[in-house]
Amino acid sequence: SPSGDKQGTLLYLAINAAQHGMIWVGPTDMPEPESGVNRVGSYMGVMGYGSGENEVDPGDLKSSRLYGRRIAKATHSWSALWAN
């Protein structure tokens, strides 16, 4: 299935992060059928769903890039707060 056990893995990682005092940044992108962004409908982290080929789906790749930007923006914001 599209999400399979990936959601369980993401939940485990989020709980583990919380136990170690880490901050978990989730994606905020709603599923967009036309662009393929968050096509699996995950809000805990980015998931991909293979088609049997060795290529990454373009929508999954775009979702990953958007998620990376979100993490970088959050890190930048927090680092400015903690620097003072």
Protein backbone atom coordinates (compact mmCIF):
# COMPACT_ATOMS: atom_id res chain seq x y z
CA SER A 1 0.00 0.00 0.00
CA PRO A 2 1.17 3.59 -0.44
CA SER A 3 1.92 4.21 3.24
CA GLY A 4 2.62 0.63 4.31
CA ASP A 5 4.48 0.57 7.61
CA LYS A 6 6.22 3.87 6.87
CA GLN A 7 3.83 5.79 9.14
CA GLY A 8 4.71 3.50 12.06
CA THR A 9 8.41 4.09 11.43
CA LEU A 10 7.94 7.87 11.35
CA LEU A 11 5.94 7.74 14.60
CA TYR A 12 8.70 5.70 16.24
CA LEU A 13 11.32 8.23 15.14
CA ALA A 14 9.22 11.19 16.37
CA ILE A 15 8.76 9.54 19.78
CA ASN A 16 12.46 8.70 19.97
CA ALA A 17 13.31 12.33 19.12
CA ALA A 18 10.99 13.57 21.87
CA GLN A 19 12.57 11.20 24.40
CA HIS A 20 15.94 12.74 23.62
CA GLY A 21 14.71 16.35 23.78
CA MET A 22 14.83 16.86 20.05
CA ILE A 23 12.42 18.89 17.96
CA TRP A 24 10.47 17.11 15.22
CA VAL A 25 9.58 19.18 12.18
CA GLY A 26 6.73 17.75 10.15
CA PRO A 27 5.81 18.69 6.61
CA THR A 28 2.83 20.99 6.16
CA ASP A 29 2.04 20.34 2.52
CA MET A 30 -1.49 19.18 1.72
CA PRO A 31 -1.79 16.51 -0.97
CA GLU A 32 -1.74 18.13 -4.40
CA PRO A 33 -2.80 15.66 -7.09
CA GLU A 34 -1.74 17.90 -9.97
CA SER A 35 1.87 18.36 -8.76
CA GLY A 36 2.22 15.06 -6.89
CA VAL A 37 3.30 16.82 -3.67
CA ASN A 38 2.53 14.67 -0.61
CA ARG A 39 0.75 12.19 -2.83
CA VAL A 40 0.78 9.57 -0.06
CA GLY A 41 -0.87 11.99 2.40
CA SER A 42 1.70 11.87 5.20
CA TYR A 43 1.89 14.63 7.81
CA MET A 44 4.49 13.08 10.14
CA GLY A 45 7.24 13.08 7.52
CA VAL A 46 7.83 12.66 3.81
CA MET A 47 6.97 9.29 2.30
CA GLY A 48 7.63 7.95 -1.15
CA TYR A 49 5.85 5.21 -3.01
CA GLY A 50 7.68 3.25 -5.66
CA SER A 51 6.25 2.15 -8.95
CA GLY A 52 8.55 -0.85 -9.29
CA GLU A 53 11.16 1.16 -11.16
CA ASN A 54 14.47 2.42 -9.79
CA GLU A 55 13.42 6.04 -10.20
CA VAL A 56 12.05 8.42 -7.60
CA ASP A 57 8.59 9.76 -8.39
CA PRO A 58 8.79 13.47 -9.33
CA GLY A 59 6.09 14.35 -6.76
CA ASP A 60 7.99 12.53 -4.00
CA LEU A 61 11.18 14.34 -5.00
CA LYS A 62 9.39 17.70 -4.90
CA SER A 63 7.88 16.81 -1.50
CA SER A 64 11.36 15.98 -0.19
CA ARG A 65 12.81 19.26 -1.41
CA LEU A 66 9.97 21.26 0.15
CA TYR A 67 10.44 19.37 3.42
CA GLY A 68 14.17 20.07 3.37
CA ARG A 69 13.47 23.78 2.91
CA ARG A 70 11.02 23.69 5.83
CA ILE A 71 13.63 22.05 8.09
CA ALA A 72 16.29 24.56 7.00
CA LYS A 73 13.95 27.49 7.66
CA ALA A 74 13.03 26.15 11.12
CA THR A 75 16.69 25.56 11.95
CA HIS A 76 17.62 29.06 10.84
CA SER A 77 14.82 30.59 12.94
CA TRP A 78 15.76 28.64 16.05
CA SER A 79 19.48 29.24 15.68
CA ALA A 80 18.82 32.98 15.65
CA LEU A 81 16.85 32.66 18.89
CA TRP A 82 19.44 30.49 20.62
CA ALA A 83 22.37 32.69 19.55
CA ASN A 84 21.30 35.42 21.96
